[in-house]
N, C-alpha and C. Protein backbone atom coordinates (compact mmCIF):
# COMPACT_ATOMS: atom_id res chain seq x y z
N MET A 1 -52.88 34.83 74.09
CA MET A 1 -52.67 34.62 72.72
C MET A 1 -52.45 33.15 72.44
N ALA A 2 -51.52 32.51 73.23
CA ALA A 2 -51.24 31.16 73.07
C ALA A 2 -52.43 30.31 73.32
N ILE A 3 -53.33 30.74 74.14
CA ILE A 3 -54.51 29.85 74.37
C ILE A 3 -55.37 29.97 73.27
N VAL A 4 -55.58 31.06 72.57
CA VAL A 4 -56.43 31.28 71.40
C VAL A 4 -55.78 30.45 70.19
N LEU A 5 -54.57 30.41 70.05
CA LEU A 5 -53.85 29.71 68.90
C LEU A 5 -54.00 28.17 69.25
N ASP A 6 -53.93 27.83 70.49
CA ASP A 6 -54.07 26.40 70.81
C ASP A 6 -55.48 25.90 70.55
N GLN A 7 -56.44 26.82 70.81
CA GLN A 7 -57.84 26.45 70.67
C GLN A 7 -58.17 26.30 69.07
N LEU A 8 -57.54 27.17 68.35
CA LEU A 8 -57.75 27.04 66.79
C LEU A 8 -56.92 25.97 66.19
N SER A 9 -55.97 25.48 67.00
CA SER A 9 -55.01 24.42 66.66
C SER A 9 -54.25 24.78 65.31
N ILE A 10 -53.69 26.03 65.29
CA ILE A 10 -52.86 26.52 64.16
C ILE A 10 -51.45 25.85 64.31
N THR A 11 -51.15 25.34 65.44
CA THR A 11 -49.85 24.77 65.58
C THR A 11 -49.66 23.55 64.79
N ASN A 12 -50.88 22.74 64.62
CA ASN A 12 -50.75 21.53 63.95
C ASN A 12 -50.97 21.79 62.41
N LEU A 13 -51.28 23.01 62.03
CA LEU A 13 -51.60 23.39 60.63
C LEU A 13 -50.33 23.12 59.76
N ALA A 14 -49.15 23.40 60.25
CA ALA A 14 -47.89 23.20 59.49
C ALA A 14 -47.59 21.82 59.20
N VAL A 15 -47.92 21.00 60.30
CA VAL A 15 -47.64 19.63 60.11
C VAL A 15 -48.66 18.90 59.12
N GLN A 16 -49.93 19.28 59.43
CA GLN A 16 -50.86 18.87 58.45
C GLN A 16 -50.75 19.20 57.01
N VAL A 17 -50.29 20.51 56.73
CA VAL A 17 -50.10 20.84 55.38
C VAL A 17 -48.83 20.20 54.85
N THR A 18 -47.73 19.94 55.77
CA THR A 18 -46.62 19.14 55.26
C THR A 18 -47.11 17.70 54.79
N GLU A 19 -47.86 17.08 55.70
CA GLU A 19 -48.34 15.77 55.43
C GLU A 19 -49.16 15.69 54.05
N LEU A 20 -50.06 16.72 53.92
CA LEU A 20 -50.89 16.75 52.79
C LEU A 20 -50.04 16.95 51.54
N GLY A 21 -48.95 17.77 51.58
CA GLY A 21 -48.11 17.99 50.51
C GLY A 21 -47.32 16.62 50.04
N ALA A 22 -46.91 15.95 51.12
CA ALA A 22 -46.22 14.59 50.90
C ALA A 22 -47.19 13.71 50.27
N ILE A 23 -48.34 13.70 50.70
CA ILE A 23 -49.37 12.68 50.03
C ILE A 23 -49.64 13.15 48.59
N ILE A 24 -49.84 14.37 48.40
CA ILE A 24 -50.14 14.83 46.98
C ILE A 24 -48.89 14.45 46.07
N LEU A 25 -47.71 14.66 46.55
CA LEU A 25 -46.42 14.36 45.70
C LEU A 25 -46.42 12.89 45.51
N LEU A 26 -46.75 12.11 46.44
CA LEU A 26 -46.69 10.72 46.26
C LEU A 26 -47.87 10.16 45.30
N CYS A 27 -48.89 10.86 45.36
CA CYS A 27 -49.96 10.50 44.34
C CYS A 27 -49.63 11.02 42.99
N ALA A 28 -48.96 12.11 42.88
CA ALA A 28 -48.55 12.55 41.59
C ALA A 28 -47.46 11.62 40.97
N PHE A 29 -46.46 11.31 41.81
CA PHE A 29 -45.46 10.32 41.33
C PHE A 29 -46.22 9.00 40.80
N SER A 30 -47.02 8.44 41.66
CA SER A 30 -47.73 7.25 41.38
C SER A 30 -48.46 7.26 40.04
N LEU A 31 -49.13 8.54 39.86
CA LEU A 31 -49.89 8.60 38.57
C LEU A 31 -48.90 8.84 37.30
N ILE A 32 -47.81 9.45 37.52
CA ILE A 32 -46.84 9.42 36.39
C ILE A 32 -46.28 8.13 36.11
N ALA A 33 -45.93 7.38 37.19
CA ALA A 33 -45.32 6.03 36.99
C ALA A 33 -46.39 5.06 36.37
N LEU A 34 -47.67 5.26 36.82
CA LEU A 34 -48.68 4.41 36.24
C LEU A 34 -49.01 4.73 34.75
N SER A 35 -48.95 6.14 34.42
CA SER A 35 -49.20 6.48 33.01
C SER A 35 -48.15 5.88 32.12
N GLY A 36 -46.82 6.05 32.64
CA GLY A 36 -45.64 5.57 31.94
C GLY A 36 -45.80 4.07 31.77
N LEU A 37 -46.21 3.34 32.73
CA LEU A 37 -46.45 1.87 32.56
C LEU A 37 -47.52 1.46 31.55
N MET A 38 -48.52 2.26 31.65
CA MET A 38 -49.65 2.05 30.70
C MET A 38 -49.19 2.35 29.27
N LEU A 39 -48.37 3.49 28.98
CA LEU A 39 -47.90 3.74 27.72
C LEU A 39 -46.99 2.73 27.28
N ALA A 40 -46.07 2.16 28.08
CA ALA A 40 -45.14 1.18 27.68
C ALA A 40 -45.85 -0.11 27.32
N SER A 41 -46.86 -0.49 28.03
CA SER A 41 -47.59 -1.69 27.76
C SER A 41 -48.40 -1.57 26.44
N LYS A 42 -48.99 -0.32 26.23
CA LYS A 42 -49.69 -0.02 24.97
C LYS A 42 -48.82 -0.15 23.78
N LEU A 43 -47.61 0.49 23.83
CA LEU A 43 -46.67 0.38 22.81
C LEU A 43 -46.17 -1.05 22.56
N SER A 44 -46.00 -1.79 23.65
CA SER A 44 -45.63 -3.13 23.48
C SER A 44 -46.64 -3.99 22.73
N ILE A 45 -47.87 -3.74 23.10
CA ILE A 45 -48.94 -4.48 22.43
C ILE A 45 -49.09 -4.16 20.96
N VAL A 46 -48.92 -2.89 20.83
CA VAL A 46 -48.98 -2.27 19.36
C VAL A 46 -47.88 -2.93 18.52
N ALA A 47 -46.68 -3.04 19.20
CA ALA A 47 -45.52 -3.59 18.43
C ALA A 47 -45.75 -4.98 18.14
N PHE A 48 -46.15 -5.83 19.21
CA PHE A 48 -46.52 -7.14 18.97
C PHE A 48 -47.39 -7.36 17.91
N CYS A 49 -48.60 -6.73 17.95
CA CYS A 49 -49.57 -6.94 16.85
C CYS A 49 -49.06 -6.64 15.47
N GLU A 50 -48.22 -5.62 15.48
CA GLU A 50 -47.71 -5.19 14.08
C GLU A 50 -46.64 -6.25 13.64
N TYR A 51 -45.91 -6.80 14.55
CA TYR A 51 -44.90 -7.75 14.16
C TYR A 51 -45.58 -8.99 13.53
N PHE A 52 -46.63 -9.36 14.09
CA PHE A 52 -47.26 -10.58 13.59
C PHE A 52 -48.49 -10.28 12.55
N SER A 53 -48.37 -9.16 12.01
CA SER A 53 -49.50 -8.79 11.03
C SER A 53 -49.08 -9.36 9.72
N GLY A 54 -49.98 -9.66 8.90
CA GLY A 54 -49.75 -10.24 7.62
C GLY A 54 -48.73 -9.49 6.72
N ARG A 55 -48.79 -8.18 6.69
CA ARG A 55 -47.89 -7.39 5.89
C ARG A 55 -46.50 -7.53 6.41
N GLN A 56 -46.27 -7.56 7.67
CA GLN A 56 -44.93 -7.77 8.18
C GLN A 56 -44.40 -9.09 7.87
N ARG A 57 -45.28 -10.12 8.04
CA ARG A 57 -44.73 -11.43 7.77
C ARG A 57 -44.39 -11.49 6.25
N MET A 58 -45.11 -10.99 5.33
CA MET A 58 -44.77 -11.02 3.92
C MET A 58 -43.53 -10.31 3.68
N GLU A 59 -43.30 -9.03 4.35
CA GLU A 59 -42.00 -8.39 4.14
C GLU A 59 -40.87 -9.15 4.65
N ARG A 60 -41.01 -9.74 5.97
CA ARG A 60 -39.77 -10.69 6.37
C ARG A 60 -39.50 -11.81 5.39
N LYS A 61 -40.58 -12.45 4.85
CA LYS A 61 -40.40 -13.57 4.00
C LYS A 61 -39.74 -13.15 2.67
N LEU A 62 -40.15 -11.90 2.15
CA LEU A 62 -39.63 -11.37 1.02
C LEU A 62 -38.17 -10.94 1.27
N LEU A 63 -37.76 -10.41 2.41
CA LEU A 63 -36.44 -10.09 2.73
C LEU A 63 -35.58 -11.42 2.82
N PHE A 64 -36.16 -12.44 3.40
CA PHE A 64 -35.41 -13.68 3.60
C PHE A 64 -35.15 -14.33 2.19
N TYR A 65 -36.07 -14.34 1.33
CA TYR A 65 -35.74 -14.86 0.09
C TYR A 65 -34.88 -13.98 -0.80
N THR A 66 -34.99 -12.68 -0.77
CA THR A 66 -34.04 -11.75 -1.33
C THR A 66 -32.65 -12.00 -0.95
N ASP A 67 -32.46 -12.08 0.48
CA ASP A 67 -31.05 -12.22 1.08
C ASP A 67 -30.61 -13.56 0.65
N ARG A 68 -31.45 -14.65 0.59
CA ARG A 68 -31.02 -15.88 0.12
C ARG A 68 -30.60 -16.00 -1.32
N ARG A 69 -31.29 -15.31 -2.30
CA ARG A 69 -30.91 -15.26 -3.58
C ARG A 69 -29.58 -14.50 -3.84
N ASN A 70 -29.43 -13.35 -3.02
CA ASN A 70 -28.19 -12.70 -2.97
C ASN A 70 -26.94 -13.51 -2.64
N ARG A 71 -27.19 -14.23 -1.43
CA ARG A 71 -26.10 -15.18 -0.98
C ARG A 71 -25.86 -16.17 -2.00
N LEU A 72 -26.81 -16.85 -2.67
CA LEU A 72 -26.57 -17.85 -3.57
C LEU A 72 -25.91 -17.30 -4.88
N ASN A 73 -26.19 -16.11 -5.21
CA ASN A 73 -25.63 -15.45 -6.29
C ASN A 73 -24.12 -15.15 -6.09
N GLN A 74 -23.84 -14.73 -4.77
CA GLN A 74 -22.46 -14.41 -4.40
C GLN A 74 -21.71 -15.76 -4.42
N ILE A 75 -22.30 -16.79 -3.95
CA ILE A 75 -21.52 -18.10 -3.76
C ILE A 75 -21.35 -18.53 -5.29
N PHE A 76 -22.29 -18.41 -6.15
CA PHE A 76 -22.09 -18.78 -7.65
C PHE A 76 -20.91 -17.97 -8.24
N GLN A 77 -20.93 -16.67 -7.99
CA GLN A 77 -19.73 -15.82 -8.50
C GLN A 77 -18.49 -16.24 -7.90
N PHE A 78 -18.35 -16.58 -6.73
CA PHE A 78 -17.10 -17.05 -6.13
C PHE A 78 -16.68 -18.28 -6.76
N LYS A 79 -17.66 -19.31 -6.87
CA LYS A 79 -17.28 -20.53 -7.40
C LYS A 79 -16.88 -20.33 -8.96
N LYS A 80 -17.51 -19.49 -9.66
CA LYS A 80 -17.23 -19.19 -11.08
C LYS A 80 -15.84 -18.71 -11.24
N ALA A 81 -15.44 -17.67 -10.31
CA ALA A 81 -14.15 -17.04 -10.16
C ALA A 81 -12.95 -18.16 -9.97
N ARG A 82 -13.36 -19.01 -8.97
CA ARG A 82 -12.39 -19.97 -8.58
C ARG A 82 -12.18 -20.97 -9.79
N LEU A 83 -13.21 -21.33 -10.47
CA LEU A 83 -13.11 -22.28 -11.52
C LEU A 83 -12.35 -21.76 -12.61
N LEU A 84 -12.61 -20.41 -12.99
CA LEU A 84 -11.85 -19.72 -13.94
C LEU A 84 -10.30 -19.71 -13.55
N TYR A 85 -10.04 -19.45 -12.30
CA TYR A 85 -8.70 -19.50 -11.86
C TYR A 85 -8.00 -20.77 -11.97
N VAL A 86 -8.71 -21.83 -11.53
CA VAL A 86 -8.17 -23.20 -11.59
C VAL A 86 -7.90 -23.52 -13.01
N ASN A 87 -8.83 -23.29 -14.03
CA ASN A 87 -8.63 -23.60 -15.45
C ASN A 87 -7.65 -22.86 -16.06
N GLN A 88 -7.43 -21.55 -15.59
CA GLN A 88 -6.29 -20.83 -16.14
C GLN A 88 -4.85 -21.26 -15.66
N GLN A 89 -4.90 -21.85 -14.34
CA GLN A 89 -3.69 -22.35 -13.90
C GLN A 89 -3.33 -23.61 -14.57
N LYS A 90 -4.35 -24.51 -14.84
CA LYS A 90 -4.11 -25.71 -15.57
C LYS A 90 -3.68 -25.31 -17.04
N ARG A 91 -4.18 -24.44 -17.62
CA ARG A 91 -3.84 -24.11 -18.98
C ARG A 91 -2.32 -23.54 -18.91
N LYS A 92 -1.97 -22.70 -18.05
CA LYS A 92 -0.61 -22.33 -17.99
C LYS A 92 0.40 -23.53 -17.69
N HIS A 93 -0.08 -24.38 -16.92
CA HIS A 93 0.76 -25.57 -16.57
C HIS A 93 0.95 -26.39 -17.78
N LEU A 94 -0.16 -26.65 -18.58
CA LEU A 94 0.01 -27.48 -19.77
C LEU A 94 0.75 -26.71 -20.89
N LEU A 95 0.59 -25.37 -20.96
CA LEU A 95 1.39 -24.63 -21.92
C LEU A 95 2.86 -24.77 -21.64
N ALA A 96 3.23 -24.63 -20.41
CA ALA A 96 4.59 -24.67 -19.86
C ALA A 96 5.15 -26.24 -20.11
N LYS A 97 4.27 -27.14 -19.90
CA LYS A 97 4.72 -28.51 -20.08
C LYS A 97 4.96 -28.75 -21.68
N ASP A 98 4.05 -28.28 -22.42
CA ASP A 98 4.09 -28.40 -23.89
C ASP A 98 5.35 -27.63 -24.45
N ASP A 99 5.73 -26.47 -23.97
CA ASP A 99 6.85 -25.74 -24.28
C ASP A 99 8.08 -26.49 -23.94
N ARG A 100 8.17 -27.09 -22.74
CA ARG A 100 9.33 -27.86 -22.40
C ARG A 100 9.50 -28.98 -23.38
N GLU A 101 8.42 -29.75 -23.75
CA GLU A 101 8.41 -30.89 -24.57
C GLU A 101 8.82 -30.45 -26.01
N SER A 102 8.31 -29.44 -26.47
CA SER A 102 8.65 -28.97 -27.79
C SER A 102 10.11 -28.46 -27.86
N ALA A 103 10.59 -27.95 -26.78
CA ALA A 103 12.04 -27.44 -26.73
C ALA A 103 12.99 -28.58 -26.84
N LYS A 104 12.55 -29.68 -26.35
CA LYS A 104 13.54 -30.88 -26.46
C LYS A 104 13.76 -31.36 -27.83
N PRO A 105 15.10 -31.48 -28.20
CA PRO A 105 15.28 -31.98 -29.45
C PRO A 105 15.22 -33.42 -29.82
C-alpha cells in the first residue's frame, strides 16, 4: 500500500495544498491592499480637484470676506463701547468737579 501511495505521491499532496493555500491568501491580501490603495488615491485626487475647483475657491473667498466683515464689525462695536465708557467717565468726572466748585462759597 505504501508503494502505491508513494507512486501516486499523495504524501506530498498535503504540503502542496498548504503551499497553494498560502499563495492564494497572499494574493488575496495583496489584492485587498492594492484596491484600498487605489481607492485612497482616487479619493485624494477627487478631493484635490474639488478643493481647487472654481466653486470652492469662491466659497472660501466669500467665507474669508464674511469673516473679515464680522471681525471688523466686532472691533467697531468694542471701540464704540469703549468710547462711550470713556466719555461717560469724563462726564462724571466733570460733573463731580463742577459740583465741588459750585458747592464752594
